Amino acid sequence: MKSLPNGRWSVLEILFWLTPLAAFFLFPGYLVLISQIMIVALFALSLDLILGYAGIVSLGHAAFFGVGAYTAGLLSVHGWSEPLSGLLAGALVAGVFGLCVSFLVVRGQDLTRLMVTLAIGLMTYEGANKAAFLTGGVDGLSGMVVGDVLGLFAFDLDGKTAYFYSLTVLFILFVLVRRMVQSPFGMGLIGIREGVKRMPAIGADVPRRLVVIFTVSAAIAGMAGALLAQTTQFVGLDSLSFSRSAELLIILVLGGTGRLYGALVGAIIFMLAQDTIAGINPAYWQFWIGLLLIVIVMFARGGILGGLQKIREQFFGGAK
């Protein structure tokens, strides 16, 4: 799914964003699940910025997600219940954290980056676990009270406010990210991914660009974490876990990296498959997810969107 060359929205894109509005009326009993999908999609979008566009592999991206979640959660627990400022605070703290560790990440190559990001994720997890007096430890951070959105819309048990809140945040950030990757800065990131040694020859400051995109990615991940904390009114240690980072990589492989919509489609497929398969066979749902991943990797290189693009090119001669 690609936008038009001049940056306008294609028909498929418009239809894609109309789907959540239709789902609100067609599946009123699944609003909570769809809200979770949108939050995971935003989280996956943040990783796609560094993996799909800048070529930075990370196994610890959940660290920024969890930092954002705990920031919003702690503010709420200690009396600051206004949701939008809590959302921005989660993004800010996660972004600052990402900026601090980015200098360690961007200096290495793929294997070094994997180890550094993994170490950051594990250290953040254990730090939150040890600081149980602040985070609640394994019991999680409870007692959150989230105020009305814009002072008008209260979070309800049916999940209607959380649904539109999540959709609005996802759409706004997607529009901003879409503009960024289509800008000269975004084109420069693709150039770094494809040929990092050649970019300095045209005057590009590679380390600086990588630091910027890593910080932006961390901030978006933090906002996704804050969004989850506010809509569920709970923060657990699993928000910082390695498994959450690993699932994020699976989502991008399923959808396709470096496409933006790959993160969204991958999140939809993964979350729906997880919910459906776990309902049928709770003990072995991961086996079927793994089998689906193998099929995608072997027969649809570039993820689901990459496979669909190849089919279109084969039958329509690459017509757009």
C-alpha atoms as a PDB file:
ATOM      1  CA  MET A   1       0.000   0.000   0.000  1.00  0.00           C
ATOM      2  CA  LYS A   2       1.722   3.145  -1.212  1.00  0.00           C
ATOM      3  CA  SER A   3       0.808   6.794  -1.271  1.00  0.00           C
ATOM      4  CA  LEU A   4       0.808   8.764  -4.485  1.00  0.00           C
ATOM      5  CA  PRO A   5       4.131  10.294  -5.641  1.00  0.00           C
ATOM      6  CA  ASN A   6       2.995  13.832  -4.818  1.00  0.00           C
ATOM      7  CA  GLY A   7       2.142  12.869  -1.246  1.00  0.00           C
ATOM      8  CA  ARG A   8      -1.618  12.745  -1.735  1.00  0.00           C
ATOM      9  CA  TRP A   9      -3.609   9.914  -0.204  1.00  0.00           C
ATOM     10  CA  SER A  10      -4.452   6.997  -2.451  1.00  0.00           C
ATOM     11  CA  VAL A  11      -7.893   5.405  -2.539  1.00  0.00           C
ATOM     12  CA  LEU A  12      -6.602   2.332  -0.705  1.00  0.00           C
ATOM     13  CA  GLU A  13      -5.203   4.492   2.075  1.00  0.00           C
ATOM     14  CA  ILE A  14      -8.499   6.321   2.514  1.00  0.00           C
ATOM     15  CA  LEU A  15     -10.394   3.023   2.617  1.00  0.00           C
ATOM     16  CA  PHE A  16      -7.895   1.648   5.123  1.00  0.00           C
ATOM     17  CA  TRP A  17      -8.519   4.518   7.559  1.00  0.00           C
ATOM     18  CA  LEU A  18     -12.280   4.304   7.091  1.00  0.00           C
ATOM     19  CA  THR A  19     -12.190   0.666   8.208  1.00  0.00           C
ATOM     20  CA  PRO A  20     -11.853   1.447  11.959  1.00  0.00           C
ATOM     21  CA  LEU A  21     -14.870   3.737  11.738  1.00  0.00           C
ATOM     22  CA  ALA A  22     -16.897   0.947  10.145  1.00  0.00           C
ATOM     23  CA  ALA A  23     -15.584  -1.576  12.697  1.00  0.00           C
ATOM     24  CA  PHE A  24     -16.916   0.608  15.524  1.00  0.00           C
ATOM     25  CA  PHE A  25     -20.471  -0.029  14.321  1.00  0.00           C
ATOM     26  CA  LEU A  26     -19.994  -3.559  12.963  1.00  0.00           C
ATOM     27  CA  PHE A  27     -18.125  -5.048  15.947  1.00  0.00           C
ATOM     28  CA  PRO A  28     -19.267  -3.185  19.077  1.00  0.00           C
ATOM     29  CA  GLY A  29     -18.286  -6.141  21.254  1.00  0.00           C
ATOM     30  CA  TYR A  30     -14.643  -6.000  20.161  1.00  0.00           C
ATOM     31  CA  LEU A  31     -13.827  -2.352  20.824  1.00  0.00           C
ATOM     32  CA  VAL A  32     -11.307  -3.167  23.545  1.00  0.00           C
ATOM     33  CA  LEU A  33      -9.458  -5.643  21.318  1.00  0.00           C
ATOM     34  CA  ILE A  34      -9.380  -3.226  18.378  1.00  0.00           C
ATOM     35  CA  SER A  35      -8.085  -0.475  20.675  1.00  0.00           C
ATOM     36  CA  GLN A  36      -5.263  -2.797  21.727  1.00  0.00           C
ATOM     37  CA  ILE A  37      -4.501  -3.505  18.071  1.00  0.00           C
ATOM     38  CA  MET A  38      -4.224   0.209  17.321  1.00  0.00           C
ATOM     39  CA  ILE A  39      -1.849   0.742  20.238  1.00  0.00           C
ATOM     40  CA  VAL A  40       0.340  -2.184  19.154  1.00  0.00           C
ATOM     41  CA  ALA A  41       0.248  -0.796  15.597  1.00  0.00           C
ATOM     42  CA  LEU A  42       1.573   2.546  16.870  1.00  0.00           C
ATOM     43  CA  PHE A  43       4.308   0.727  18.783  1.00  0.00           C
ATOM     44  CA  ALA A  44       5.246  -1.261  15.661  1.00  0.00           C
ATOM     45  CA  LEU A  45       5.267   1.948  13.628  1.00  0.00           C
ATOM     46  CA  SER A  46       7.894   3.366  15.978  1.00  0.00           C
ATOM     47  CA  LEU A  47      10.177   0.371  15.428  1.00  0.00           C
ATOM     48  CA  ASP A  48       9.646   0.489  11.663  1.00  0.00           C
ATOM     49  CA  LEU A  49      11.164   3.974  11.645  1.00  0.00           C
ATOM     50  CA  ILE A  50      14.524   2.686  12.817  1.00  0.00           C
ATOM     51  CA  LEU A  51      14.424  -0.837  11.384  1.00  0.00           C
ATOM     52  CA  GLY A  52      12.641  -0.366   8.074  1.00  0.00           C
ATOM     53  CA  TYR A  53      14.006   3.061   7.186  1.00  0.00           C
ATOM     54  CA  ALA A  54      17.310   3.503   9.021  1.00  0.00           C
ATOM     55  CA  GLY A  55      18.318  -0.161   9.205  1.00  0.00           C
ATOM     56  CA  ILE A  56      18.829  -0.190  12.990  1.00  0.00           C
ATOM     57  CA  VAL A  57      17.972  -3.589  14.442  1.00  0.00           C
ATOM     58  CA  SER A  58      16.671  -3.513  18.010  1.00  0.00           C
ATOM     59  CA  LEU A  59      15.775  -6.203  20.529  1.00  0.00           C
ATOM     60  CA  GLY A  60      15.007  -3.808  23.354  1.00  0.00           C
ATOM     61  CA  HIS A  61      12.450  -1.404  21.949  1.00  0.00           C
ATOM     62  CA  ALA A  62      10.031  -2.347  24.728  1.00  0.00           C
ATOM     63  CA  ALA A  63      12.231  -0.315  27.090  1.00  0.00           C
ATOM     64  CA  PHE A  64      10.867   2.921  25.617  1.00  0.00           C
ATOM     65  CA  PHE A  65       7.320   1.562  25.511  1.00  0.00           C
ATOM     66  CA  GLY A  66       7.510   0.656  29.183  1.00  0.00           C
ATOM     67  CA  VAL A  67       9.130   3.946  30.199  1.00  0.00           C
ATOM     68  CA  GLY A  68       6.282   5.830  28.543  1.00  0.00           C
ATOM     69  CA  ALA A  69       3.713   3.595  30.217  1.00  0.00           C
ATOM     70  CA  TYR A  70       5.223   4.021  33.683  1.00  0.00           C
ATOM     71  CA  THR A  71       5.564   7.787  33.193  1.00  0.00           C
ATOM     72  CA  ALA A  72       1.861   8.185  32.396  1.00  0.00           C
ATOM     73  CA  GLY A  73       0.953   5.689  35.113  1.00  0.00           C
ATOM     74  CA  LEU A  74       2.976   7.356  37.855  1.00  0.00           C
ATOM     75  CA  LEU A  75       1.623  10.778  36.964  1.00  0.00           C
ATOM     76  CA  SER A  76      -1.913   9.407  37.204  1.00  0.00           C
ATOM     77  CA  VAL A  77      -1.315   7.603  40.487  1.00  0.00           C
ATOM     78  CA  HIS A  78       0.149  10.750  42.041  1.00  0.00           C
ATOM     79  CA  GLY A  79      -2.752  12.995  41.129  1.00  0.00           C
ATOM     80  CA  TRP A  80      -2.088  14.177  37.557  1.00  0.00           C
ATOM     81  CA  SER A  81      -5.029  12.628  35.718  1.00  0.00           C
ATOM     82  CA  GLU A  82      -5.232  14.807  32.577  1.00  0.00           C
ATOM     83  CA  PRO A  83      -4.661  12.283  29.739  1.00  0.00           C
ATOM     84  CA  LEU A  84      -3.183  14.415  26.918  1.00  0.00           C
ATOM     85  CA  SER A  85      -0.423  15.901  29.065  1.00  0.00           C
ATOM     86  CA  GLY A  86       0.280  12.423  30.440  1.00  0.00           C
ATOM     87  CA  LEU A  87       0.573  11.159  26.887  1.00  0.00           C
ATOM     88  CA  LEU A  88       3.040  13.904  25.988  1.00  0.00           C
ATOM     89  CA  ALA A  89       4.989  13.306  29.202  1.00  0.00           C
ATOM     90  CA  GLY A  90       5.359   9.625  28.313  1.00  0.00           C
ATOM     91  CA  ALA A  91       6.673  10.581  24.875  1.00  0.00           C
ATOM     92  CA  LEU A  92       9.048  13.182  26.323  1.00  0.00           C
ATOM     93  CA  VAL A  93      10.596  10.931  28.970  1.00  0.00           C
ATOM     94  CA  ALA A  94      10.946   8.020  26.535  1.00  0.00           C
ATOM     95  CA  GLY A  95      12.425  10.365  23.924  1.00  0.00           C
ATOM     96  CA  VAL A  96      15.019  11.705  26.364  1.00  0.00           C
ATOM     97  CA  PHE A  97      15.867   8.137  27.373  1.00  0.00           C
ATOM     98  CA  GLY A  98      16.181   7.192  23.703  1.00  0.00           C
ATOM     99  CA  LEU A  99      18.435  10.183  23.058  1.00  0.00           C
ATOM    100  CA  CYS A 100      20.732   9.198  25.932  1.00  0.00           C
ATOM    101  CA  VAL A 101      21.183   5.603  24.757  1.00  0.00           C
ATOM    102  CA  SER A 102      21.206   6.414  21.027  1.00  0.00           C
ATOM    103  CA  PHE A 103      24.872   7.352  21.147  1.00  0.00           C
ATOM    104  CA  LEU A 104      25.660   3.790  22.224  1.00  0.00           C
ATOM    105  CA  VAL A 105      23.406   2.224  19.593  1.00  0.00           C
ATOM    106  CA  VAL A 106      24.292   4.143  16.432  1.00  0.00           C
ATOM    107  CA  ARG A 107      28.045   3.595  16.785  1.00  0.00           C
ATOM    108  CA  GLY A 108      27.908  -0.142  16.186  1.00  0.00           C
ATOM    109  CA  GLN A 109      26.849  -2.483  13.410  1.00  0.00           C
ATOM    110  CA  ASP A 110      23.966  -4.956  13.391  1.00  0.00           C
ATOM    111  CA  LEU A 111      25.282  -7.479  15.933  1.00  0.00           C
ATOM    112  CA  THR A 112      26.550  -4.769  18.270  1.00  0.00           C
ATOM    113  CA  ARG A 113      23.238  -2.947  18.031  1.00  0.00           C
ATOM    114  CA  LEU A 114      21.345  -6.125  18.810  1.00  0.00           C
ATOM    115  CA  MET A 115      23.390  -6.727  21.938  1.00  0.00           C
ATOM    116  CA  VAL A 116      23.295  -3.111  23.122  1.00  0.00           C
ATOM    117  CA  THR A 117      19.529  -2.752  22.650  1.00  0.00           C
ATOM    118  CA  LEU A 118      18.942  -6.142  24.268  1.00  0.00           C
ATOM    119  CA  ALA A 119      21.061  -5.101  27.248  1.00  0.00           C
ATOM    120  CA  ILE A 120      19.199  -1.798  27.558  1.00  0.00           C
ATOM    121  CA  GLY A 121      15.879  -3.632  27.514  1.00  0.00           C
ATOM    122  CA  LEU A 122      16.929  -6.174  30.125  1.00  0.00           C
ATOM    123  CA  MET A 123      18.464  -3.530  32.408  1.00  0.00           C
ATOM    124  CA  THR A 124      15.334  -1.381  32.210  1.00  0.00           C
ATOM    125  CA  TYR A 125      13.150  -4.384  33.028  1.00  0.00           C
ATOM    126  CA  GLU A 126      15.241  -5.365  36.052  1.00  0.00           C
ATOM    127  CA  GLY A 127      15.439  -1.747  37.187  1.00  0.00           C
ATOM    128  CA  ALA A 128      11.650  -1.479  37.204  1.00  0.00           C
ATOM    129  CA  ASN A 129      11.421  -4.823  39.004  1.00  0.00           C
ATOM    130  CA  LYS A 130      13.845  -3.742  41.727  1.00  0.00           C
ATOM    131  CA  ALA A 131      12.116  -0.379  42.164  1.00  0.00           C
ATOM    132  CA  ALA A 132       8.935  -2.073  43.361  1.00  0.00           C
ATOM    133  CA  PHE A 133       8.291   0.769  45.834  1.00  0.00           C
ATOM    134  CA  LEU A 134       7.766   2.998  42.780  1.00  0.00           C
ATOM    135  CA  THR A 135       6.558   0.696  40.005  1.00  0.00           C
ATOM    136  CA  GLY A 136       4.725  -1.981  41.957  1.00  0.00           C
ATOM    137  CA  GLY A 137       7.188  -4.643  40.798  1.00  0.00           C
ATOM    138  CA  VAL A 138       5.665  -7.908  39.659  1.00  0.00           C
ATOM    139  CA  ASP A 139       2.257  -6.806  40.973  1.00  0.00           C
ATOM    140  CA  GLY A 140       2.198  -3.907  38.544  1.00  0.00           C
ATOM    141  CA  LEU A 141       1.252  -0.274  38.984  1.00  0.00           C
ATOM    142  CA  SER A 142      -2.404   0.019  39.918  1.00  0.00           C
ATOM    143  CA  GLY A 143      -4.596   2.750  41.309  1.00  0.00           C
ATOM    144  CA  MET A 144      -4.518   4.883  38.173  1.00  0.00           C
ATOM    145  CA  VAL A 145      -7.244   7.470  37.722  1.00  0.00           C
ATOM    146  CA  VAL A 146      -7.419   8.917  34.208  1.00  0.00           C
ATOM    147  CA  GLY A 147      -9.490  12.019  33.656  1.00  0.00           C
ATOM    148  CA  ASP A 148     -11.807  12.879  30.787  1.00  0.00           C
ATOM    149  CA  VAL A 149     -10.266  13.451  27.361  1.00  0.00           C
ATOM    150  CA  LEU A 150     -10.418  17.204  26.655  1.00  0.00           C
ATOM    151  CA  GLY A 151     -12.544  17.402  29.796  1.00  0.00           C
ATOM    152  CA  LEU A 152     -15.496  16.025  27.837  1.00  0.00           C
ATOM    153  CA  PHE A 153     -15.133  12.299  27.178  1.00  0.00           C
ATOM    154  CA  ALA A 154     -14.860   9.949  30.149  1.00  0.00           C
ATOM    155  CA  PHE A 155     -13.334   6.489  29.793  1.00  0.00           C
ATOM    156  CA  ASP A 156     -16.206   4.006  29.885  1.00  0.00           C
ATOM    157  CA  LEU A 157     -16.460   0.266  30.470  1.00  0.00           C
ATOM    158  CA  ASP A 158     -17.554  -0.343  26.866  1.00  0.00           C
ATOM    159  CA  GLY A 159     -14.260   1.106  25.617  1.00  0.00           C
ATOM    160  CA  LYS A 160     -15.806   3.682  23.275  1.00  0.00           C
ATOM    161  CA  THR A 161     -13.721   6.616  24.483  1.00  0.00           C
ATOM    162  CA  ALA A 162     -10.551   4.499  24.519  1.00  0.00           C
ATOM    163  CA  TYR A 163     -11.345   3.370  20.970  1.00  0.00           C
ATOM    164  CA  PHE A 164     -11.576   6.842  19.451  1.00  0.00           C
ATOM    165  CA  TYR A 165      -8.766   8.141  21.667  1.00  0.00           C
ATOM    166  CA  SER A 166      -6.432   5.414  20.398  1.00  0.00           C
ATOM    167  CA  LEU A 167      -7.564   5.856  16.799  1.00  0.00           C
ATOM    168  CA  THR A 168      -7.047   9.623  16.901  1.00  0.00           C
ATOM    169  CA  VAL A 169      -3.546   9.365  18.396  1.00  0.00           C
ATOM    170  CA  LEU A 170      -2.567   6.654  15.904  1.00  0.00           C
ATOM    171  CA  PHE A 171      -3.846   8.609  12.917  1.00  0.00           C
ATOM    172  CA  ILE A 172      -2.212  11.915  13.908  1.00  0.00           C
ATOM    173  CA  LEU A 173       1.158  10.281  14.527  1.00  0.00           C
ATOM    174  CA  PHE A 174       0.881   8.246  11.335  1.00  0.00           C
ATOM    175  CA  VAL A 175       0.288  11.432   9.314  1.00  0.00           C
ATOM    176  CA  LEU A 176       3.330  13.081  10.907  1.00  0.00           C
ATOM    177  CA  VAL A 177       5.524  10.023  10.350  1.00  0.00           C
ATOM    178  CA  ARG A 178       4.279   9.698   6.776  1.00  0.00           C
ATOM    179  CA  ARG A 179       5.302  13.273   6.027  1.00  0.00           C
ATOM    180  CA  MET A 180       8.673  12.737   7.675  1.00  0.00           C
ATOM    181  CA  VAL A 181       9.619   9.624   5.694  1.00  0.00           C
ATOM    182  CA  GLN A 182       8.579  11.341   2.453  1.00  0.00           C
ATOM    183  CA  SER A 183      10.770  14.361   3.238  1.00  0.00           C
ATOM    184  CA  PRO A 184      14.463  14.733   2.287  1.00  0.00           C
ATOM    185  CA  PHE A 185      15.297  13.585   5.814  1.00  0.00           C
ATOM    186  CA  GLY A 186      13.374  10.357   5.235  1.00  0.00           C
ATOM    187  CA  MET A 187      15.017   9.823   1.871  1.00  0.00           C
ATOM    188  CA  GLY A 188      18.355  10.270   3.617  1.00  0.00           C
ATOM    189  CA  LEU A 189      17.457   7.527   6.079  1.00  0.00           C
ATOM    190  CA  ILE A 190      16.750   5.136   3.217  1.00  0.00           C
ATOM    191  CA  GLY A 191      20.093   6.103   1.720  1.00  0.00           C
ATOM    192  CA  ILE A 192      21.794   5.239   5.013  1.00  0.00           C
ATOM    193  CA  ARG A 193      20.035   1.887   5.097  1.00  0.00           C
ATOM    194  CA  GLU A 194      21.013   1.029   1.544  1.00  0.00           C
ATOM    195  CA  GLY A 195      24.572   2.377   1.557  1.00  0.00           C
ATOM    196  CA  VAL A 196      25.786   3.877   4.805  1.00  0.00           C
ATOM    197  CA  LYS A 197      29.387   4.217   3.583  1.00  0.00           C
ATOM    198  CA  ARG A 198      28.367   6.319   0.593  1.00  0.00           C
ATOM    199  CA  MET A 199      26.193   8.858   2.412  1.00  0.00           C
ATOM    200  CA  PRO A 200      29.095  10.913   3.898  1.00  0.00           C
ATOM    201  CA  ALA A 201      30.307  11.468   0.331  1.00  0.00           C
ATOM    202  CA  ILE A 202      27.237  13.619  -0.369  1.00  0.00           C
ATOM    203  CA  GLY A 203      27.627  15.552   2.861  1.00  0.00           C
ATOM    204  CA  ALA A 204      25.186  13.607   5.043  1.00  0.00           C
ATOM    205  CA  ASP A 205      25.909  13.496   8.778  1.00  0.00           C
ATOM    206  CA  VAL A 206      25.037   9.832   9.299  1.00  0.00           C
ATOM    207  CA  PRO A 207      25.447   9.582  13.110  1.00  0.00           C
ATOM    208  CA  ARG A 208      23.377  12.721  13.665  1.00  0.00           C
ATOM    209  CA  ARG A 209      20.523  11.489  11.480  1.00  0.00           C
ATOM    210  CA  LEU A 210      20.509   8.127  13.221  1.00  0.00           C
ATOM    211  CA  VAL A 211      20.440   9.785  16.643  1.00  0.00           C
ATOM    212  CA  VAL A 212      17.490  11.947  15.564  1.00  0.00           C
ATOM    213  CA  ILE A 213      15.426   9.075  14.159  1.00  0.00           C
ATOM    214  CA  PHE A 214      16.235   6.836  17.135  1.00  0.00           C
ATOM    215  CA  THR A 215      15.044   9.566  19.501  1.00  0.00           C
ATOM    216  CA  VAL A 216      11.849  10.116  17.500  1.00  0.00           C
ATOM    217  CA  SER A 217      11.231   6.366  17.429  1.00  0.00           C
ATOM    218  CA  ALA A 218      11.693   6.122  21.201  1.00  0.00           C
ATOM    219  CA  ALA A 219       9.290   9.023  21.777  1.00  0.00           C
ATOM    220  CA  ILE A 220       6.578   7.412  19.643  1.00  0.00           C
ATOM    221  CA  ALA A 221       7.089   4.094  21.429  1.00  0.00           C
ATOM    222  CA  GLY A 222       6.755   5.945  24.742  1.00  0.00           C
ATOM    223  CA  MET A 223       3.520   7.531  23.596  1.00  0.00           C
ATOM    224  CA  ALA A 224       2.193   4.091  22.643  1.00  0.00           C
ATOM    225  CA  GLY A 225       3.074   2.843  26.118  1.00  0.00           C
ATOM    226  CA  ALA A 226       1.406   5.830  27.762  1.00  0.00           C
ATOM    227  CA  LEU A 227      -1.671   5.238  25.612  1.00  0.00           C
ATOM    228  CA  LEU A 228      -1.866   1.622  26.773  1.00  0.00           C
ATOM    229  CA  ALA A 229      -1.478   2.655  30.409  1.00  0.00           C
ATOM    230  CA  GLN A 230      -4.251   5.224  30.153  1.00  0.00           C
ATOM    231  CA  THR A 231      -6.736   3.038  28.294  1.00  0.00           C
ATOM    232  CA  THR A 232      -6.208   0.015  30.588  1.00  0.00           C
ATOM    233  CA  GLN A 233      -5.420   2.053  33.739  1.00  0.00           C
ATOM    234  CA  PHE A 234      -2.730  -0.443  34.661  1.00  0.00           C
ATOM    235  CA  VAL A 235       0.995  -0.862  33.985  1.00  0.00           C
ATOM    236  CA  GLY A 236       2.717  -4.221  34.364  1.00  0.00           C
ATOM    237  CA  LEU A 237       6.329  -5.330  34.061  1.00  0.00           C
ATOM    238  CA  ASP A 238       5.426  -7.092  30.831  1.00  0.00           C
ATOM    239  CA  SER A 239       5.394  -3.673  29.153  1.00  0.00           C
ATOM    240  CA  LEU A 240       9.198  -3.768  29.462  1.00  0.00           C
ATOM    241  CA  SER A 241       9.685  -7.458  28.720  1.00  0.00           C
ATOM    242  CA  PHE A 242      11.870  -8.965  26.013  1.00  0.00           C
ATOM    243  CA  SER A 243       8.897 -10.898  24.673  1.00  0.00           C
ATOM    244  CA  ARG A 244       7.162  -7.625  23.807  1.00  0.00           C
ATOM    245  CA  SER A 245      10.197  -6.521  21.794  1.00  0.00           C
ATOM    246  CA  ALA A 246      10.352  -9.907  20.061  1.00  0.00           C
ATOM    247  CA  GLU A 247       6.649  -9.799  19.193  1.00  0.00           C
ATOM    248  CA  LEU A 248       7.227  -6.394  17.640  1.00  0.00           C
ATOM    249  CA  LEU A 249       9.831  -7.841  15.270  1.00  0.00           C
ATOM    250  CA  ILE A 250       7.409 -10.624  14.345  1.00  0.00           C
ATOM    251  CA  ILE A 251       4.742  -8.031  13.568  1.00  0.00           C
ATOM    252  CA  LEU A 252       7.058  -6.144  11.224  1.00  0.00           C
ATOM    253  CA  VAL A 253       8.170  -9.337   9.490  1.00  0.00           C
ATOM    254  CA  LEU A 254       4.531 -10.284   8.961  1.00  0.00           C
ATOM    255  CA  GLY A 255       3.470  -6.911   7.609  1.00  0.00           C
ATOM    256  CA  GLY A 256       6.657  -5.853   5.865  1.00  0.00           C
ATOM    257  CA  THR A 257       9.340  -3.418   7.017  1.00  0.00           C
ATOM    258  CA  GLY A 258       9.982  -0.013   5.518  1.00  0.00           C
ATOM    259  CA  ARG A 259       6.384   0.498   4.363  1.00  0.00           C
ATOM    260  CA  LEU A 260       4.644   2.152   7.358  1.00  0.00           C
ATOM    261  CA  TYR A 261       1.426   0.302   6.551  1.00  0.00           C
ATOM    262  CA  GLY A 262       3.350  -2.931   7.084  1.00  0.00           C
ATOM    263  CA  ALA A 263       3.470  -2.118  10.799  1.00  0.00           C
ATOM    264  CA  LEU A 264      -0.289  -1.552  10.883  1.00  0.00           C
ATOM    265  CA  VAL A 265      -1.191  -4.620   8.819  1.00  0.00           C
ATOM    266  CA  GLY A 266       1.262  -6.789  10.767  1.00  0.00           C
ATOM    267  CA  ALA A 267      -0.267  -5.676  14.062  1.00  0.00           C
ATOM    268  CA  ILE A 268      -3.761  -6.497  12.823  1.00  0.00           C
ATOM    269  CA  ILE A 269      -2.771  -9.962  11.581  1.00  0.00           C
ATOM    270  CA  PHE A 270      -0.720 -10.828  14.670  1.00  0.00           C
ATOM    271  CA  MET A 271      -3.250  -9.640  17.242  1.00  0.00           C
ATOM    272  CA  LEU A 272      -6.232 -11.239  15.507  1.00  0.00           C
ATOM    273  CA  ALA A 273      -4.333 -14.502  14.987  1.00  0.00           C
ATOM    274  CA  GLN A 274      -3.211 -14.483  18.610  1.00  0.00           C
ATOM    275  CA  ASP A 275      -6.730 -13.860  19.888  1.00  0.00           C
ATOM    276  CA  THR A 276      -8.334 -16.434  17.585  1.00  0.00           C
ATOM    277  CA  ILE A 277      -5.762 -19.211  17.933  1.00  0.00           C
ATOM    278  CA  ALA A 278      -5.392 -18.724  21.692  1.00  0.00           C
ATOM    279  CA  GLY A 279      -9.169 -19.083  21.979  1.00  0.00           C
ATOM    280  CA  ILE A 280      -9.033 -22.403  20.120  1.00  0.00           C
ATOM    281  CA  ASN A 281      -5.847 -23.811  21.636  1.00  0.00           C
ATOM    282  CA  PRO A 282      -4.447 -21.703  24.499  1.00  0.00           C
ATOM    283  CA  ALA A 283      -1.463 -23.991  25.103  1.00  0.00           C
ATOM    284  CA  TYR A 284      -0.044 -24.088  21.579  1.00  0.00           C
ATOM    285  CA  TRP A 285      -1.027 -20.811  19.939  1.00  0.00           C
ATOM    286  CA  GLN A 286       2.652 -19.822  19.585  1.00  0.00           C
ATOM    287  CA  PHE A 287       3.252 -22.889  17.378  1.00  0.00           C
ATOM    288  CA  TRP A 288       0.747 -21.639  14.820  1.00  0.00           C
ATOM    289  CA  ILE A 289       2.099 -18.099  14.958  1.00  0.00           C
ATOM    290  CA  GLY A 290       5.561 -19.539  14.297  1.00  0.00           C
ATOM    291  CA  LEU A 291       4.247 -21.575  11.384  1.00  0.00           C
ATOM    292  CA  LEU A 292       2.597 -18.476   9.916  1.00  0.00           C
ATOM    293  CA  LEU A 293       5.874 -16.598  10.283  1.00  0.00           C
ATOM    294  CA  ILE A 294       7.788 -19.333   8.429  1.00  0.00           C
ATOM    295  CA  VAL A 295       5.275 -19.277   5.581  1.00  0.00           C
ATOM    296  CA  ILE A 296       5.532 -15.496   5.292  1.00  0.00           C
ATOM    297  CA  VAL A 297       9.330 -15.521   5.290  1.00  0.00           C
ATOM    298  CA  MET A 298       9.562 -18.307   2.705  1.00  0.00           C
ATOM    299  CA  PHE A 299       6.797 -17.349   0.298  1.00  0.00           C
ATOM    300  CA  ALA A 300       6.151 -13.641   0.832  1.00  0.00           C
ATOM    301  CA  ARG A 301       9.500 -11.947   1.156  1.00  0.00           C
ATOM    302  CA  GLY A 302       8.877  -8.400   2.262  1.00  0.00           C
ATOM    303  CA  GLY A 303       5.950  -9.458   4.411  1.00  0.00           C
ATOM    304  CA  ILE A 304       2.292  -9.542   3.505  1.00  0.00           C
ATOM    305  CA  LEU A 305       2.421  -6.173   1.763  1.00  0.00           C
ATOM    306  CA  GLY A 306       5.545  -7.199  -0.114  1.00  0.00           C
ATOM    307  CA  GLY A 307       3.837 -10.401  -1.274  1.00  0.00           C
ATOM    308  CA  LEU A 308       0.758  -8.487  -2.405  1.00  0.00           C
ATOM    309  CA  GLN A 309       2.929  -6.049  -4.316  1.00  0.00           C
ATOM    310  CA  LYS A 310       4.688  -8.899  -6.144  1.00  0.00           C
ATOM    311  CA  ILE A 311       1.332 -10.451  -7.049  1.00  0.00           C
ATOM    312  CA  ARG A 312       0.126  -7.131  -8.411  1.00  0.00           C
ATOM    313  CA  GLU A 313       3.299  -6.682 -10.446  1.00  0.00           C
ATOM    314  CA  GLN A 314       3.028 -10.199 -11.809  1.00  0.00           C
ATOM    315  CA  PHE A 315      -0.573  -9.867 -12.948  1.00  0.00           C
ATOM    316  CA  PHE A 316      -0.697  -6.177 -13.814  1.00  0.00           C
ATOM    317  CA  GLY A 317       2.847  -5.581 -14.991  1.00  0.00           C
ATOM    318  CA  GLY A 318       3.752  -3.225 -12.167  1.00  0.00           C
ATOM    319  CA  ALA A 319       0.970  -0.805 -12.972  1.00  0.00           C
ATOM    320  CA  LYS A 320       0.209   1.622 -10.177  1.00  0.00           C
END
